Amino acid sequence: MPEKLTPHQRRVLEVLFSTPHEFSAQDLHKEFKKRQQRVGLATVYRALKVLQKCGKVQIRSLPNGEAVYSLASAHRHHLTCVSCGISIPLKNCPVHELEQELVQTQEFQVFYHTLEVFGLCQNCIEVDVLARRKGIRQA
Protein backbone atom coordinates (compact mmCIF):
# COMPACT_ATOMS: atom_id res chain seq x y z
CA MET A 1 0.00 0.00 0.00
CA PRO A 2 1.42 3.38 -0.92
CA GLU A 3 2.37 5.67 1.93
CA LYS A 4 2.22 8.68 -0.35
CA LEU A 5 -0.50 9.22 -2.95
CA THR A 6 0.27 10.26 -6.50
CA PRO A 7 -1.20 13.54 -7.83
CA HIS A 8 -3.78 11.57 -9.83
CA GLN A 9 -4.83 9.53 -6.80
CA ARG A 10 -5.21 12.73 -4.79
CA ARG A 11 -7.35 14.25 -7.58
CA VAL A 12 -9.64 11.21 -7.61
CA LEU A 13 -10.08 11.50 -3.84
CA GLU A 14 -10.79 15.24 -4.16
CA VAL A 15 -13.63 14.56 -6.61
CA LEU A 16 -15.07 11.82 -4.40
CA PHE A 17 -14.81 14.09 -1.32
CA SER A 18 -16.63 16.88 -3.14
CA THR A 19 -19.81 14.93 -3.86
CA PRO A 20 -22.08 12.59 -1.89
CA HIS A 21 -22.92 10.30 -4.80
CA GLU A 22 -21.01 7.48 -6.45
CA PHE A 23 -19.05 7.83 -9.69
CA SER A 24 -18.16 5.39 -12.42
CA ALA A 25 -14.60 5.63 -13.74
CA GLN A 26 -16.04 7.19 -16.91
CA ASP A 27 -17.91 9.79 -14.83
CA LEU A 28 -14.71 10.65 -12.97
CA HIS A 29 -12.88 11.00 -16.29
CA LYS A 30 -15.60 13.38 -17.55
CA GLU A 31 -15.38 15.36 -14.30
CA PHE A 32 -11.65 15.83 -14.83
CA LYS A 33 -12.31 17.07 -18.37
CA LYS A 34 -14.88 19.56 -17.00
CA ARG A 35 -12.27 20.77 -14.52
CA GLN A 36 -9.78 21.01 -17.40
CA GLN A 37 -7.49 18.48 -15.76
CA ARG A 38 -5.79 16.12 -18.18
CA VAL A 39 -6.13 12.64 -16.73
CA GLY A 40 -6.52 9.61 -18.98
CA LEU A 41 -9.22 7.02 -18.38
CA ALA A 42 -6.63 4.27 -17.82
CA THR A 43 -4.99 6.47 -15.17
CA VAL A 44 -8.38 6.92 -13.45
CA TYR A 45 -8.85 3.14 -13.34
CA ARG A 46 -5.32 2.60 -11.97
CA ALA A 47 -5.81 5.29 -9.32
CA LEU A 48 -9.14 3.76 -8.26
CA LYS A 49 -7.60 0.29 -7.99
CA VAL A 50 -4.75 1.53 -5.76
CA LEU A 51 -7.14 3.62 -3.63
CA GLN A 52 -9.39 0.60 -3.20
CA LYS A 53 -6.48 -1.62 -2.15
CA CYS A 54 -5.42 0.84 0.54
CA GLY A 55 -8.99 1.16 1.86
CA LYS A 56 -9.74 4.72 0.77
CA VAL A 57 -12.26 3.91 -1.98
CA GLN A 58 -14.97 1.28 -2.23
CA ILE A 59 -16.47 -0.26 -5.33
CA ARG A 60 -20.04 -1.34 -5.95
CA SER A 61 -21.27 -3.28 -8.98
CA LEU A 62 -24.62 -2.30 -10.45
CA PRO A 63 -27.01 -4.83 -12.05
CA ASN A 64 -26.00 -3.58 -15.53
CA GLY A 65 -22.38 -4.58 -14.80
CA GLU A 66 -21.12 -1.03 -14.30
CA ALA A 67 -18.87 -0.38 -11.31
CA VAL A 68 -19.30 2.76 -9.23
CA TYR A 69 -16.90 4.15 -6.65
CA SER A 70 -17.24 6.18 -3.46
CA LEU A 71 -15.22 6.99 -0.39
CA ALA A 72 -14.69 3.95 1.81
CA SER A 73 -15.64 5.92 4.89
CA ALA A 74 -19.18 6.22 3.54
CA HIS A 75 -20.72 2.77 4.03
CA ARG A 76 -23.31 2.13 1.39
CA HIS A 77 -26.37 -0.07 1.75
CA HIS A 78 -28.93 -0.45 -1.03
CA LEU A 79 -32.07 -2.15 -2.18
CA THR A 80 -31.42 -2.68 -5.91
CA CYS A 81 -34.11 -3.46 -8.45
CA VAL A 82 -33.04 -6.19 -10.87
CA SER A 83 -35.58 -5.00 -13.42
CA CYS A 84 -34.98 -1.24 -13.76
CA GLY A 85 -31.64 -0.99 -11.90
CA ILE A 86 -32.72 1.68 -9.40
CA SER A 87 -30.73 1.62 -6.14
CA ILE A 88 -32.53 2.81 -3.03
CA PRO A 89 -30.11 3.68 -0.21
CA LEU A 90 -30.86 2.36 3.26
CA LYS A 91 -30.56 4.97 6.00
CA ASN A 92 -29.53 2.69 8.87
CA CYS A 93 -26.58 0.31 8.88
CA PRO A 94 -27.74 -3.21 9.71
CA VAL A 95 -24.18 -4.59 9.45
CA HIS A 96 -22.22 -2.32 11.81
CA GLU A 97 -22.42 -4.61 14.86
CA LEU A 98 -21.42 -7.65 12.81
CA GLU A 99 -18.45 -5.70 11.44
CA GLN A 100 -17.29 -4.83 14.96
CA GLU A 101 -17.60 -8.47 16.02
CA LEU A 102 -15.57 -9.65 13.03
CA VAL A 103 -12.84 -7.12 13.78
CA GLN A 104 -12.54 -8.46 17.30
CA THR A 105 -13.01 -12.21 16.77
CA GLN A 106 -11.24 -12.63 13.43
CA GLU A 107 -8.41 -10.12 13.91
CA PHE A 108 -9.33 -8.53 10.62
CA GLN A 109 -8.87 -4.90 9.59
CA VAL A 110 -12.08 -3.71 7.94
CA PHE A 111 -11.80 -0.83 5.46
CA TYR A 112 -15.48 -0.72 4.54
CA HIS A 113 -18.51 -2.90 4.00
CA THR A 114 -21.47 -2.85 1.64
CA LEU A 115 -24.87 -4.45 1.73
CA GLU A 116 -26.80 -5.01 -1.47
CA VAL A 117 -30.27 -6.56 -1.46
CA PHE A 118 -31.66 -7.44 -4.90
CA GLY A 119 -35.32 -7.67 -5.86
CA LEU A 120 -38.07 -5.60 -7.48
CA CYS A 121 -38.91 -1.99 -6.68
CA GLN A 122 -42.54 -0.96 -6.11
CA ASN A 123 -42.86 0.47 -9.63
CA CYS A 124 -41.61 -2.74 -11.29
CA ILE A 125 -43.87 -4.85 -9.08
CA GLU A 126 -46.86 -2.79 -10.24
CA VAL A 127 -45.80 -3.04 -13.90
CA ASP A 128 -45.39 -6.82 -13.50
CA VAL A 129 -48.79 -7.19 -11.82
CA LEU A 130 -50.49 -5.14 -14.55
CA ALA A 131 -48.76 -7.16 -17.26
CA ARG A 132 -49.90 -10.42 -15.67
CA ARG A 133 -53.47 -9.18 -15.46
CA LYS A 134 -53.38 -8.34 -19.17
CA GLY A 135 -51.76 -11.69 -19.97
CA ILE A 136 -48.51 -10.11 -21.14
CA ARG A 137 -45.31 -11.94 -20.30
CA GLN A 138 -42.36 -9.84 -19.27
CA ALA A 139 -39.03 -10.60 -20.93
C-alpha atoms as a PDB file:
ATOM      1  CA  MET A   1       0.000   0.000   0.000  1.00  0.00           C
ATOM      2  CA  PRO A   2       1.416   3.379  -0.922  1.00  0.00           C
ATOM      3  CA  GLU A   3       2.365   5.673   1.932  1.00  0.00           C
ATOM      4  CA  LYS A   4       2.221   8.681  -0.351  1.00  0.00           C
ATOM      5  CA  LEU A   5      -0.497   9.224  -2.950  1.00  0.00           C
ATOM      6  CA  THR A   6       0.270  10.265  -6.504  1.00  0.00           C
ATOM      7  CA  PRO A   7      -1.195  13.538  -7.825  1.00  0.00           C
ATOM      8  CA  HIS A   8      -3.784  11.569  -9.834  1.00  0.00           C
ATOM      9  CA  GLN A   9      -4.826   9.527  -6.803  1.00  0.00           C
ATOM     10  CA  ARG A  10      -5.213  12.735  -4.789  1.00  0.00           C
ATOM     11  CA  ARG A  11      -7.347  14.245  -7.582  1.00  0.00           C
ATOM     12  CA  VAL A  12      -9.638  11.208  -7.609  1.00  0.00           C
ATOM     13  CA  LEU A  13     -10.083  11.503  -3.842  1.00  0.00           C
ATOM     14  CA  GLU A  14     -10.793  15.245  -4.159  1.00  0.00           C
ATOM     15  CA  VAL A  15     -13.631  14.557  -6.607  1.00  0.00           C
ATOM     16  CA  LEU A  16     -15.072  11.821  -4.399  1.00  0.00           C
ATOM     17  CA  PHE A  17     -14.810  14.090  -1.324  1.00  0.00           C
ATOM     18  CA  SER A  18     -16.630  16.881  -3.138  1.00  0.00           C
ATOM     19  CA  THR A  19     -19.815  14.934  -3.857  1.00  0.00           C
ATOM     20  CA  PRO A  20     -22.084  12.595  -1.890  1.00  0.00           C
ATOM     21  CA  HIS A  21     -22.919  10.304  -4.802  1.00  0.00           C
ATOM     22  CA  GLU A  22     -21.015   7.476  -6.448  1.00  0.00           C
ATOM     23  CA  PHE A  23     -19.052   7.835  -9.688  1.00  0.00           C
ATOM     24  CA  SER A  24     -18.158   5.393 -12.416  1.00  0.00           C
ATOM     25  CA  ALA A  25     -14.597   5.630 -13.736  1.00  0.00           C
ATOM     26  CA  GLN A  26     -16.037   7.188 -16.907  1.00  0.00           C
ATOM     27  CA  ASP A  27     -17.912   9.794 -14.829  1.00  0.00           C
ATOM     28  CA  LEU A  28     -14.712  10.654 -12.970  1.00  0.00           C
ATOM     29  CA  HIS A  29     -12.882  10.998 -16.285  1.00  0.00           C
ATOM     30  CA  LYS A  30     -15.600  13.376 -17.549  1.00  0.00           C
ATOM     31  CA  GLU A  31     -15.377  15.362 -14.305  1.00  0.00           C
ATOM     32  CA  PHE A  32     -11.645  15.833 -14.829  1.00  0.00           C
ATOM     33  CA  LYS A  33     -12.311  17.075 -18.371  1.00  0.00           C
ATOM     34  CA  LYS A  34     -14.878  19.557 -16.999  1.00  0.00           C
ATOM     35  CA  ARG A  35     -12.272  20.773 -14.525  1.00  0.00           C
ATOM     36  CA  GLN A  36      -9.776  21.014 -17.396  1.00  0.00           C
ATOM     37  CA  GLN A  37      -7.487  18.481 -15.755  1.00  0.00           C
ATOM     38  CA  ARG A  38      -5.794  16.118 -18.175  1.00  0.00           C
ATOM     39  CA  VAL A  39      -6.131  12.637 -16.729  1.00  0.00           C
ATOM     40  CA  GLY A  40      -6.517   9.614 -18.976  1.00  0.00           C
ATOM     41  CA  LEU A  41      -9.225   7.023 -18.381  1.00  0.00           C
ATOM     42  CA  ALA A  42      -6.635   4.267 -17.816  1.00  0.00           C
ATOM     43  CA  THR A  43      -4.995   6.471 -15.172  1.00  0.00           C
ATOM     44  CA  VAL A  44      -8.377   6.922 -13.455  1.00  0.00           C
ATOM     45  CA  TYR A  45      -8.850   3.136 -13.340  1.00  0.00           C
ATOM     46  CA  ARG A  46      -5.319   2.604 -11.969  1.00  0.00           C
ATOM     47  CA  ALA A  47      -5.807   5.291  -9.316  1.00  0.00           C
ATOM     48  CA  LEU A  48      -9.141   3.761  -8.259  1.00  0.00           C
ATOM     49  CA  LYS A  49      -7.603   0.295  -7.990  1.00  0.00           C
ATOM     50  CA  VAL A  50      -4.753   1.533  -5.759  1.00  0.00           C
ATOM     51  CA  LEU A  51      -7.139   3.620  -3.629  1.00  0.00           C
ATOM     52  CA  GLN A  52      -9.395   0.597  -3.200  1.00  0.00           C
ATOM     53  CA  LYS A  53      -6.482  -1.620  -2.149  1.00  0.00           C
ATOM     54  CA  CYS A  54      -5.420   0.842   0.537  1.00  0.00           C
ATOM     55  CA  GLY A  55      -8.986   1.160   1.857  1.00  0.00           C
ATOM     56  CA  LYS A  56      -9.738   4.719   0.766  1.00  0.00           C
ATOM     57  CA  VAL A  57     -12.260   3.915  -1.983  1.00  0.00           C
ATOM     58  CA  GLN A  58     -14.966   1.280  -2.226  1.00  0.00           C
ATOM     59  CA  ILE A  59     -16.468  -0.264  -5.330  1.00  0.00           C
ATOM     60  CA  ARG A  60     -20.045  -1.341  -5.950  1.00  0.00           C
ATOM     61  CA  SER A  61     -21.269  -3.277  -8.976  1.00  0.00           C
ATOM     62  CA  LEU A  62     -24.624  -2.295 -10.448  1.00  0.00           C
ATOM     63  CA  PRO A  63     -27.008  -4.830 -12.051  1.00  0.00           C
ATOM     64  CA  ASN A  64     -26.001  -3.583 -15.534  1.00  0.00           C
ATOM     65  CA  GLY A  65     -22.376  -4.580 -14.800  1.00  0.00           C
ATOM     66  CA  GLU A  66     -21.124  -1.032 -14.303  1.00  0.00           C
ATOM     67  CA  ALA A  67     -18.874  -0.380 -11.311  1.00  0.00           C
ATOM     68  CA  VAL A  68     -19.299   2.761  -9.227  1.00  0.00           C
ATOM     69  CA  TYR A  69     -16.899   4.145  -6.655  1.00  0.00           C
ATOM     70  CA  SER A  70     -17.238   6.177  -3.464  1.00  0.00           C
ATOM     71  CA  LEU A  71     -15.216   6.994  -0.393  1.00  0.00           C
ATOM     72  CA  ALA A  72     -14.693   3.954   1.806  1.00  0.00           C
ATOM     73  CA  SER A  73     -15.643   5.923   4.894  1.00  0.00           C
ATOM     74  CA  ALA A  74     -19.178   6.224   3.543  1.00  0.00           C
ATOM     75  CA  HIS A  75     -20.721   2.770   4.030  1.00  0.00           C
ATOM     76  CA  ARG A  76     -23.314   2.133   1.387  1.00  0.00           C
ATOM     77  CA  HIS A  77     -26.371  -0.067   1.749  1.00  0.00           C
ATOM     78  CA  HIS A  78     -28.925  -0.445  -1.034  1.00  0.00           C
ATOM     79  CA  LEU A  79     -32.069  -2.148  -2.184  1.00  0.00           C
ATOM     80  CA  THR A  80     -31.416  -2.676  -5.906  1.00  0.00           C
ATOM     81  CA  CYS A  81     -34.112  -3.464  -8.446  1.00  0.00           C
ATOM     82  CA  VAL A  82     -33.044  -6.192 -10.871  1.00  0.00           C
ATOM     83  CA  SER A  83     -35.579  -4.995 -13.422  1.00  0.00           C
ATOM     84  CA  CYS A  84     -34.982  -1.244 -13.759  1.00  0.00           C
ATOM     85  CA  GLY A  85     -31.644  -0.986 -11.905  1.00  0.00           C
ATOM     86  CA  ILE A  86     -32.718   1.677  -9.401  1.00  0.00           C
ATOM     87  CA  SER A  87     -30.727   1.622  -6.142  1.00  0.00           C
ATOM     88  CA  ILE A  88     -32.529   2.813  -3.032  1.00  0.00           C
ATOM     89  CA  PRO A  89     -30.110   3.683  -0.211  1.00  0.00           C
ATOM     90  CA  LEU A  90     -30.862   2.358   3.261  1.00  0.00           C
ATOM     91  CA  LYS A  91     -30.558   4.966   5.998  1.00  0.00           C
ATOM     92  CA  ASN A  92     -29.529   2.694   8.875  1.00  0.00           C
ATOM     93  CA  CYS A  93     -26.582   0.314   8.878  1.00  0.00           C
ATOM     94  CA  PRO A  94     -27.745  -3.211   9.708  1.00  0.00           C
ATOM     95  CA  VAL A  95     -24.181  -4.589   9.451  1.00  0.00           C
ATOM     96  CA  HIS A  96     -22.220  -2.322  11.814  1.00  0.00           C
ATOM     97  CA  GLU A  97     -22.417  -4.612  14.858  1.00  0.00           C
ATOM     98  CA  LEU A  98     -21.420  -7.655  12.808  1.00  0.00           C
ATOM     99  CA  GLU A  99     -18.447  -5.702  11.438  1.00  0.00           C
ATOM    100  CA  GLN A 100     -17.285  -4.834  14.956  1.00  0.00           C
ATOM    101  CA  GLU A 101     -17.599  -8.467  16.024  1.00  0.00           C
ATOM    102  CA  LEU A 102     -15.573  -9.654  13.032  1.00  0.00           C
ATOM    103  CA  VAL A 103     -12.838  -7.121  13.775  1.00  0.00           C
ATOM    104  CA  GLN A 104     -12.543  -8.463  17.304  1.00  0.00           C
ATOM    105  CA  THR A 105     -13.014 -12.205  16.769  1.00  0.00           C
ATOM    106  CA  GLN A 106     -11.243 -12.629  13.431  1.00  0.00           C
ATOM    107  CA  GLU A 107      -8.408 -10.120  13.914  1.00  0.00           C
ATOM    108  CA  PHE A 108      -9.326  -8.530  10.615  1.00  0.00           C
ATOM    109  CA  GLN A 109      -8.865  -4.899   9.592  1.00  0.00           C
ATOM    110  CA  VAL A 110     -12.078  -3.705   7.943  1.00  0.00           C
ATOM    111  CA  PHE A 111     -11.799  -0.832   5.465  1.00  0.00           C
ATOM    112  CA  TYR A 112     -15.476  -0.721   4.545  1.00  0.00           C
ATOM    113  CA  HIS A 113     -18.513  -2.897   3.999  1.00  0.00           C
ATOM    114  CA  THR A 114     -21.468  -2.848   1.643  1.00  0.00           C
ATOM    115  CA  LEU A 115     -24.869  -4.450   1.726  1.00  0.00           C
ATOM    116  CA  GLU A 116     -26.803  -5.014  -1.469  1.00  0.00           C
ATOM    117  CA  VAL A 117     -30.267  -6.561  -1.462  1.00  0.00           C
ATOM    118  CA  PHE A 118     -31.661  -7.436  -4.901  1.00  0.00           C
ATOM    119  CA  GLY A 119     -35.320  -7.670  -5.859  1.00  0.00           C
ATOM    120  CA  LEU A 120     -38.066  -5.599  -7.482  1.00  0.00           C
ATOM    121  CA  CYS A 121     -38.910  -1.987  -6.676  1.00  0.00           C
ATOM    122  CA  GLN A 122     -42.537  -0.963  -6.115  1.00  0.00           C
ATOM    123  CA  ASN A 123     -42.862   0.470  -9.629  1.00  0.00           C
ATOM    124  CA  CYS A 124     -41.608  -2.736 -11.289  1.00  0.00           C
ATOM    125  CA  ILE A 125     -43.871  -4.846  -9.078  1.00  0.00           C
ATOM    126  CA  GLU A 126     -46.859  -2.787 -10.238  1.00  0.00           C
ATOM    127  CA  VAL A 127     -45.797  -3.042 -13.901  1.00  0.00           C
ATOM    128  CA  ASP A 128     -45.386  -6.817 -13.503  1.00  0.00           C
ATOM    129  CA  VAL A 129     -48.793  -7.191 -11.823  1.00  0.00           C
ATOM    130  CA  LEU A 130     -50.493  -5.137 -14.554  1.00  0.00           C
ATOM    131  CA  ALA A 131     -48.763  -7.162 -17.264  1.00  0.00           C
ATOM    132  CA  ARG A 132     -49.903 -10.423 -15.666  1.00  0.00           C
ATOM    133  CA  ARG A 133     -53.472  -9.177 -15.459  1.00  0.00           C
ATOM    134  CA  LYS A 134     -53.382  -8.341 -19.170  1.00  0.00           C
ATOM    135  CA  GLY A 135     -51.764 -11.687 -19.967  1.00  0.00           C
ATOM    136  CA  ILE A 136     -48.514 -10.106 -21.141  1.00  0.00           C
ATOM    137  CA  ARG A 137     -45.309 -11.944 -20.299  1.00  0.00           C
ATOM    138  CA  GLN A 138     -42.360  -9.838 -19.275  1.00  0.00           C
ATOM    139  CA  ALA A 139     -39.030 -10.604 -20.929  1.00  0.00           C
END
